[in-house]
Amino acid sequence: MSSKYNYPEILTWLEQKAKQDYGEKFQFLEQDIANITKLIAYFLNDEETTNQLGIDLTKGILLSGPVGCGKTTLMTLMKYVAPKENKFYLKTCRDISFEFIKEGYEIIHRYSRGSYSQSEYKNYCFDDLGVESNLKYYGNECNVMAEIILSRYDLFISRKVKTHITTNLSASEIETMYGNRVRSRFRAMLNLIAFDKTTQDKR
């Protein structure tokens, strides 16, 4: 893989950063290197490498895999790699759901439209999609994350704003929880980087 970047060197450097953040026992596992390299190439805006890996730099990232495979940790580590234009804010879907209970529909606008007083729209990583549940605000049930994702798809189309997501869900589980519209938007706005599940979803 030819590139202006030295990926073995970057991986070593990033692993050292991770040891500082998460303790000396932290290490990248050999079977995860391919996916970590994809993430690094994406957040470095390395067009040559991402083209070879089939990753579209105009889209966001959908990082999927089983519980405990390190999705959140890896996305957090990307703050060391990403240049200013690729910076993003990481927010757990569970926290967004709790905010919705307290503040209502304004939360959907906060994570989609952004603030009207600002011209910039934020790139977000919504962490652990699927752990939140449909919540009620004054008796009205709302699938909060589905509404936010649909709104952010519109931002992706109109303003090229990126959304990243981590999840334990399979594609069919995403469709069950959030509907076919959300699954179809995912295909359009996200690059899938998937860690192997011990048990493959055959549905």
C-alpha atoms as a PDB file:
ATOM      1  CA  MET A   1       0.000   0.000   0.000  1.00  0.00           C
ATOM      2  CA  SER A   2       1.829   3.074  -1.254  1.00  0.00           C
ATOM      3  CA  SER A   3       1.177   6.310   0.616  1.00  0.00           C
ATOM      4  CA  LYS A   4       2.902   9.482   1.776  1.00  0.00           C
ATOM      5  CA  TYR A   5       2.187   8.257   5.323  1.00  0.00           C
ATOM      6  CA  ASN A   6       4.168   5.615   7.191  1.00  0.00           C
ATOM      7  CA  TYR A   7       1.366   3.552   8.699  1.00  0.00           C
ATOM      8  CA  PRO A   8       3.477   1.175  10.842  1.00  0.00           C
ATOM      9  CA  GLU A   9       5.068   4.266  12.403  1.00  0.00           C
ATOM     10  CA  ILE A  10       1.691   5.951  12.981  1.00  0.00           C
ATOM     11  CA  LEU A  11       0.280   2.765  14.533  1.00  0.00           C
ATOM     12  CA  THR A  12       3.223   2.564  16.950  1.00  0.00           C
ATOM     13  CA  TRP A  13       2.832   6.241  17.867  1.00  0.00           C
ATOM     14  CA  LEU A  14      -0.939   5.910  18.330  1.00  0.00           C
ATOM     15  CA  GLU A  15      -0.523   2.811  20.494  1.00  0.00           C
ATOM     16  CA  GLN A  16       1.799   4.836  22.740  1.00  0.00           C
ATOM     17  CA  LYS A  17      -0.843   7.571  22.987  1.00  0.00           C
ATOM     18  CA  ALA A  18      -3.395   4.913  23.927  1.00  0.00           C
ATOM     19  CA  LYS A  19      -1.096   3.549  26.642  1.00  0.00           C
ATOM     20  CA  GLN A  20      -0.927   7.063  28.131  1.00  0.00           C
ATOM     21  CA  ASP A  21      -4.728   7.305  28.117  1.00  0.00           C
ATOM     22  CA  TYR A  22      -5.734   3.739  28.995  1.00  0.00           C
ATOM     23  CA  GLY A  23      -2.722   2.230  30.766  1.00  0.00           C
ATOM     24  CA  GLU A  24       0.452   0.385  29.814  1.00  0.00           C
ATOM     25  CA  LYS A  25      -1.343  -2.900  29.165  1.00  0.00           C
ATOM     26  CA  PHE A  26      -3.159  -1.407  26.163  1.00  0.00           C
ATOM     27  CA  GLN A  27      -2.125  -2.831  22.803  1.00  0.00           C
ATOM     28  CA  PHE A  28      -3.468  -3.117  19.287  1.00  0.00           C
ATOM     29  CA  LEU A  29      -4.271  -6.710  18.388  1.00  0.00           C
ATOM     30  CA  GLU A  30      -2.952  -8.069  15.092  1.00  0.00           C
ATOM     31  CA  GLN A  31      -6.431  -8.997  13.837  1.00  0.00           C
ATOM     32  CA  ASP A  32      -7.607  -5.394  14.355  1.00  0.00           C
ATOM     33  CA  ILE A  33      -4.760  -3.644  12.498  1.00  0.00           C
ATOM     34  CA  ALA A  34      -6.576  -3.613   9.142  1.00  0.00           C
ATOM     35  CA  ASN A  35      -9.600  -1.794  10.586  1.00  0.00           C
ATOM     36  CA  ILE A  36      -7.460   0.601  12.643  1.00  0.00           C
ATOM     37  CA  THR A  37      -5.475   1.423   9.494  1.00  0.00           C
ATOM     38  CA  LYS A  38      -8.723   2.191   7.649  1.00  0.00           C
ATOM     39  CA  LEU A  39      -9.742   4.596  10.408  1.00  0.00           C
ATOM     40  CA  ILE A  40      -6.357   6.311  10.428  1.00  0.00           C
ATOM     41  CA  ALA A  41      -6.342   6.695   6.636  1.00  0.00           C
ATOM     42  CA  TYR A  42      -9.854   8.125   6.738  1.00  0.00           C
ATOM     43  CA  PHE A  43      -9.157  10.668   9.469  1.00  0.00           C
ATOM     44  CA  LEU A  44      -5.858  11.693   7.856  1.00  0.00           C
ATOM     45  CA  ASN A  45      -7.760  12.395   4.606  1.00  0.00           C
ATOM     46  CA  ASP A  46      -5.303  10.063   2.860  1.00  0.00           C
ATOM     47  CA  GLU A  47      -7.033   9.919  -0.501  1.00  0.00           C
ATOM     48  CA  GLU A  48      -4.613   7.473  -2.096  1.00  0.00           C
ATOM     49  CA  THR A  49      -4.953   4.863   0.676  1.00  0.00           C
ATOM     50  CA  THR A  50      -8.701   5.266   1.184  1.00  0.00           C
ATOM     51  CA  ASN A  51      -9.262   4.816  -2.554  1.00  0.00           C
ATOM     52  CA  GLN A  52      -7.358   1.520  -2.371  1.00  0.00           C
ATOM     53  CA  LEU A  53      -9.403   0.469   0.671  1.00  0.00           C
ATOM     54  CA  GLY A  54     -12.762   1.405  -0.869  1.00  0.00           C
ATOM     55  CA  ILE A  55     -13.490   4.200   1.618  1.00  0.00           C
ATOM     56  CA  ASP A  56     -15.312   7.363   0.522  1.00  0.00           C
ATOM     57  CA  LEU A  57     -13.857  10.443   2.238  1.00  0.00           C
ATOM     58  CA  THR A  58     -17.072  12.420   1.700  1.00  0.00           C
ATOM     59  CA  LYS A  59     -19.017  10.007   3.945  1.00  0.00           C
ATOM     60  CA  GLY A  60     -18.854   9.338   7.681  1.00  0.00           C
ATOM     61  CA  ILE A  61     -17.901   6.099   9.449  1.00  0.00           C
ATOM     62  CA  LEU A  62     -20.161   3.324  10.744  1.00  0.00           C
ATOM     63  CA  LEU A  63     -17.968   1.295  13.097  1.00  0.00           C
ATOM     64  CA  SER A  64     -19.719  -1.935  14.037  1.00  0.00           C
ATOM     65  CA  GLY A  65     -18.767  -4.980  16.039  1.00  0.00           C
ATOM     66  CA  PRO A  66     -19.481  -6.961  19.194  1.00  0.00           C
ATOM     67  CA  VAL A  67     -19.478  -5.563  22.724  1.00  0.00           C
ATOM     68  CA  GLY A  68     -15.968  -5.019  24.004  1.00  0.00           C
ATOM     69  CA  CYS A  69     -14.101  -4.929  20.689  1.00  0.00           C
ATOM     70  CA  GLY A  70     -12.905  -1.358  21.329  1.00  0.00           C
ATOM     71  CA  LYS A  71     -15.056   0.739  18.984  1.00  0.00           C
ATOM     72  CA  THR A  72     -15.462   3.684  21.348  1.00  0.00           C
ATOM     73  CA  THR A  73     -11.779   3.621  22.329  1.00  0.00           C
ATOM     74  CA  LEU A  74     -10.672   3.687  18.692  1.00  0.00           C
ATOM     75  CA  MET A  75     -12.969   6.578  17.791  1.00  0.00           C
ATOM     76  CA  THR A  76     -11.703   8.475  20.841  1.00  0.00           C
ATOM     77  CA  LEU A  77      -8.097   7.871  19.752  1.00  0.00           C
ATOM     78  CA  MET A  78      -8.820   9.377  16.339  1.00  0.00           C
ATOM     79  CA  LYS A  79      -8.691  12.831  17.988  1.00  0.00           C
ATOM     80  CA  TYR A  80      -4.898  12.434  17.840  1.00  0.00           C
ATOM     81  CA  VAL A  81      -4.988  11.723  14.113  1.00  0.00           C
ATOM     82  CA  ALA A  82      -7.689  13.993  12.693  1.00  0.00           C
ATOM     83  CA  PRO A  83      -6.789  17.406  11.289  1.00  0.00           C
ATOM     84  CA  LYS A  84      -9.039  20.341  12.203  1.00  0.00           C
ATOM     85  CA  GLU A  85     -11.519  19.801   9.346  1.00  0.00           C
ATOM     86  CA  ASN A  86     -12.060  16.184  10.448  1.00  0.00           C
ATOM     87  CA  LYS A  87     -12.600  16.890  14.167  1.00  0.00           C
ATOM     88  CA  PHE A  88     -15.802  15.567  15.678  1.00  0.00           C
ATOM     89  CA  TYR A  89     -17.667  15.482  18.985  1.00  0.00           C
ATOM     90  CA  LEU A  90     -18.370  12.083  20.551  1.00  0.00           C
ATOM     91  CA  LYS A  91     -21.751  11.720  22.244  1.00  0.00           C
ATOM     92  CA  THR A  92     -23.327   8.529  23.572  1.00  0.00           C
ATOM     93  CA  CYS A  93     -26.821   7.728  22.321  1.00  0.00           C
ATOM     94  CA  ARG A  94     -27.783   6.921  25.903  1.00  0.00           C
ATOM     95  CA  ASP A  95     -26.860  10.454  27.043  1.00  0.00           C
ATOM     96  CA  ILE A  96     -28.818  11.969  24.157  1.00  0.00           C
ATOM     97  CA  SER A  97     -31.845   9.945  25.234  1.00  0.00           C
ATOM     98  CA  PHE A  98     -31.562  11.252  28.800  1.00  0.00           C
ATOM     99  CA  GLU A  99     -31.253  14.799  27.452  1.00  0.00           C
ATOM    100  CA  PHE A 100     -34.427  14.222  25.451  1.00  0.00           C
ATOM    101  CA  ILE A 101     -36.338  13.209  28.597  1.00  0.00           C
ATOM    102  CA  LYS A 102     -35.271  16.459  30.275  1.00  0.00           C
ATOM    103  CA  GLU A 103     -35.449  18.915  27.393  1.00  0.00           C
ATOM    104  CA  GLY A 104     -37.688  17.393  24.735  1.00  0.00           C
ATOM    105  CA  TYR A 105     -37.608  17.945  20.990  1.00  0.00           C
ATOM    106  CA  GLU A 106     -35.022  20.729  21.159  1.00  0.00           C
ATOM    107  CA  ILE A 107     -32.463  17.923  21.577  1.00  0.00           C
ATOM    108  CA  ILE A 108     -33.184  16.646  18.063  1.00  0.00           C
ATOM    109  CA  HIS A 109     -32.473  20.122  16.702  1.00  0.00           C
ATOM    110  CA  ARG A 110     -29.306  20.432  18.798  1.00  0.00           C
ATOM    111  CA  TYR A 111     -27.692  17.390  17.194  1.00  0.00           C
ATOM    112  CA  SER A 112     -28.982  18.013  13.698  1.00  0.00           C
ATOM    113  CA  ARG A 113     -29.468  21.661  12.822  1.00  0.00           C
ATOM    114  CA  GLY A 114     -27.001  22.986  15.371  1.00  0.00           C
ATOM    115  CA  SER A 115     -27.313  26.472  16.770  1.00  0.00           C
ATOM    116  CA  TYR A 116     -28.920  29.132  14.623  1.00  0.00           C
ATOM    117  CA  SER A 117     -26.443  31.659  16.023  1.00  0.00           C
ATOM    118  CA  GLN A 118     -23.562  29.756  14.427  1.00  0.00           C
ATOM    119  CA  SER A 119     -22.829  29.218  10.774  1.00  0.00           C
ATOM    120  CA  GLU A 120     -20.939  25.992  11.430  1.00  0.00           C
ATOM    121  CA  TYR A 121     -22.508  22.574  11.833  1.00  0.00           C
ATOM    122  CA  LYS A 122     -20.715  20.056  14.014  1.00  0.00           C
ATOM    123  CA  ASN A 123     -19.467  16.644  13.003  1.00  0.00           C
ATOM    124  CA  TYR A 124     -20.668  14.135  15.592  1.00  0.00           C
ATOM    125  CA  CYS A 125     -19.914  10.540  16.475  1.00  0.00           C
ATOM    126  CA  PHE A 126     -23.003   8.960  18.029  1.00  0.00           C
ATOM    127  CA  ASP A 127     -21.613   6.228  20.231  1.00  0.00           C
ATOM    128  CA  ASP A 128     -23.304   2.902  20.987  1.00  0.00           C
ATOM    129  CA  LEU A 129     -26.364   3.217  18.792  1.00  0.00           C
ATOM    130  CA  GLY A 130     -28.987   0.722  19.933  1.00  0.00           C
ATOM    131  CA  VAL A 131     -28.571   0.900  23.705  1.00  0.00           C
ATOM    132  CA  GLU A 132     -31.091   3.731  24.004  1.00  0.00           C
ATOM    133  CA  SER A 133     -34.794   2.972  23.743  1.00  0.00           C
ATOM    134  CA  ASN A 134     -37.849   4.844  22.495  1.00  0.00           C
ATOM    135  CA  LEU A 135     -38.579   7.507  25.056  1.00  0.00           C
ATOM    136  CA  LYS A 136     -41.633   9.521  25.985  1.00  0.00           C
ATOM    137  CA  TYR A 137     -41.735  13.268  26.397  1.00  0.00           C
ATOM    138  CA  TYR A 138     -45.051  14.463  27.845  1.00  0.00           C
ATOM    139  CA  GLY A 139     -46.645  11.205  26.712  1.00  0.00           C
ATOM    140  CA  ASN A 140     -45.387  11.385  23.124  1.00  0.00           C
ATOM    141  CA  GLU A 141     -43.137   8.496  22.134  1.00  0.00           C
ATOM    142  CA  CYS A 142     -40.191   9.367  19.912  1.00  0.00           C
ATOM    143  CA  ASN A 143     -37.377   7.359  18.347  1.00  0.00           C
ATOM    144  CA  VAL A 144     -34.882  10.116  19.101  1.00  0.00           C
ATOM    145  CA  MET A 145     -31.840   8.734  17.282  1.00  0.00           C
ATOM    146  CA  ALA A 146     -33.860   7.877  14.163  1.00  0.00           C
ATOM    147  CA  GLU A 147     -35.059  11.490  13.958  1.00  0.00           C
ATOM    148  CA  ILE A 148     -31.538  12.846  14.501  1.00  0.00           C
ATOM    149  CA  ILE A 149     -30.057  10.523  11.856  1.00  0.00           C
ATOM    150  CA  LEU A 150     -32.702  11.472   9.283  1.00  0.00           C
ATOM    151  CA  SER A 151     -32.027  15.162   9.961  1.00  0.00           C
ATOM    152  CA  ARG A 152     -28.283  14.661   9.699  1.00  0.00           C
ATOM    153  CA  TYR A 153     -28.717  12.886   6.386  1.00  0.00           C
ATOM    154  CA  ASP A 154     -30.289  16.110   5.099  1.00  0.00           C
ATOM    155  CA  LEU A 155     -27.251  18.018   6.429  1.00  0.00           C
ATOM    156  CA  PHE A 156     -24.950  15.520   4.735  1.00  0.00           C
ATOM    157  CA  ILE A 157     -26.665  16.110   1.393  1.00  0.00           C
ATOM    158  CA  SER A 158     -26.974  19.885   1.689  1.00  0.00           C
ATOM    159  CA  ARG A 159     -23.812  20.854   3.598  1.00  0.00           C
ATOM    160  CA  LYS A 160     -21.511  17.782   3.506  1.00  0.00           C
ATOM    161  CA  VAL A 161     -21.668  17.544   7.322  1.00  0.00           C
ATOM    162  CA  LYS A 162     -20.332  14.188   8.511  1.00  0.00           C
ATOM    163  CA  THR A 163     -21.834  11.799  11.041  1.00  0.00           C
ATOM    164  CA  HIS A 164     -20.023   8.835  12.577  1.00  0.00           C
ATOM    165  CA  ILE A 165     -21.703   6.015  14.474  1.00  0.00           C
ATOM    166  CA  THR A 166     -20.557   3.069  16.584  1.00  0.00           C
ATOM    167  CA  THR A 167     -22.934   0.173  17.172  1.00  0.00           C
ATOM    168  CA  ASN A 168     -23.211  -3.471  18.163  1.00  0.00           C
ATOM    169  CA  LEU A 169     -26.210  -3.877  15.859  1.00  0.00           C
ATOM    170  CA  SER A 170     -26.263  -5.768  12.574  1.00  0.00           C
ATOM    171  CA  ALA A 171     -27.788  -4.184   9.467  1.00  0.00           C
ATOM    172  CA  SER A 172     -31.044  -6.073   9.965  1.00  0.00           C
ATOM    173  CA  GLU A 173     -31.196  -5.067  13.643  1.00  0.00           C
ATOM    174  CA  ILE A 174     -30.698  -1.421  12.641  1.00  0.00           C
ATOM    175  CA  GLU A 175     -33.628  -1.737  10.236  1.00  0.00           C
ATOM    176  CA  THR A 176     -35.800  -3.350  12.936  1.00  0.00           C
ATOM    177  CA  MET A 177     -35.050  -0.638  15.507  1.00  0.00           C
ATOM    178  CA  TYR A 178     -34.947   2.438  13.287  1.00  0.00           C
ATOM    179  CA  GLY A 179     -36.769   1.530  10.095  1.00  0.00           C
ATOM    180  CA  ASN A 180     -35.856   1.038   6.456  1.00  0.00           C
ATOM    181  CA  ARG A 181     -35.431   4.792   5.850  1.00  0.00           C
ATOM    182  CA  VAL A 182     -32.619   5.017   8.398  1.00  0.00           C
ATOM    183  CA  ARG A 183     -30.893   1.894   7.069  1.00  0.00           C
ATOM    184  CA  SER A 184     -31.061   3.269   3.542  1.00  0.00           C
ATOM    185  CA  ARG A 185     -29.627   6.633   4.707  1.00  0.00           C
ATOM    186  CA  PHE A 186     -26.789   4.753   6.400  1.00  0.00           C
ATOM    187  CA  ARG A 187     -25.773   3.237   3.065  1.00  0.00           C
ATOM    188  CA  ALA A 188     -25.677   6.699   1.491  1.00  0.00           C
ATOM    189  CA  MET A 189     -23.885   8.610   4.249  1.00  0.00           C
ATOM    190  CA  LEU A 190     -21.578   6.098   5.995  1.00  0.00           C
ATOM    191  CA  ASN A 191     -18.592   3.860   5.236  1.00  0.00           C
ATOM    192  CA  LEU A 192     -18.947   0.526   7.022  1.00  0.00           C
ATOM    193  CA  ILE A 193     -15.923  -0.678   8.995  1.00  0.00           C
ATOM    194  CA  ALA A 194     -16.873  -3.896  10.782  1.00  0.00           C
ATOM    195  CA  PHE A 195     -15.152  -6.060  13.357  1.00  0.00           C
ATOM    196  CA  ASP A 196     -15.878  -9.790  13.076  1.00  0.00           C
ATOM    197  CA  LYS A 197     -18.624 -11.109  15.313  1.00  0.00           C
ATOM    198  CA  THR A 198     -18.016 -14.480  16.929  1.00  0.00           C
ATOM    199  CA  THR A 199     -21.450 -15.510  15.713  1.00  0.00           C
ATOM    200  CA  GLN A 200     -22.362 -14.263  12.258  1.00  0.00           C
ATOM    201  CA  ASP A 201     -25.841 -12.800  11.780  1.00  0.00           C
ATOM    202  CA  LYS A 202     -27.325 -14.910   8.948  1.00  0.00           C
ATOM    203  CA  ARG A 203     -30.700 -13.148   8.778  1.00  0.00           C
END
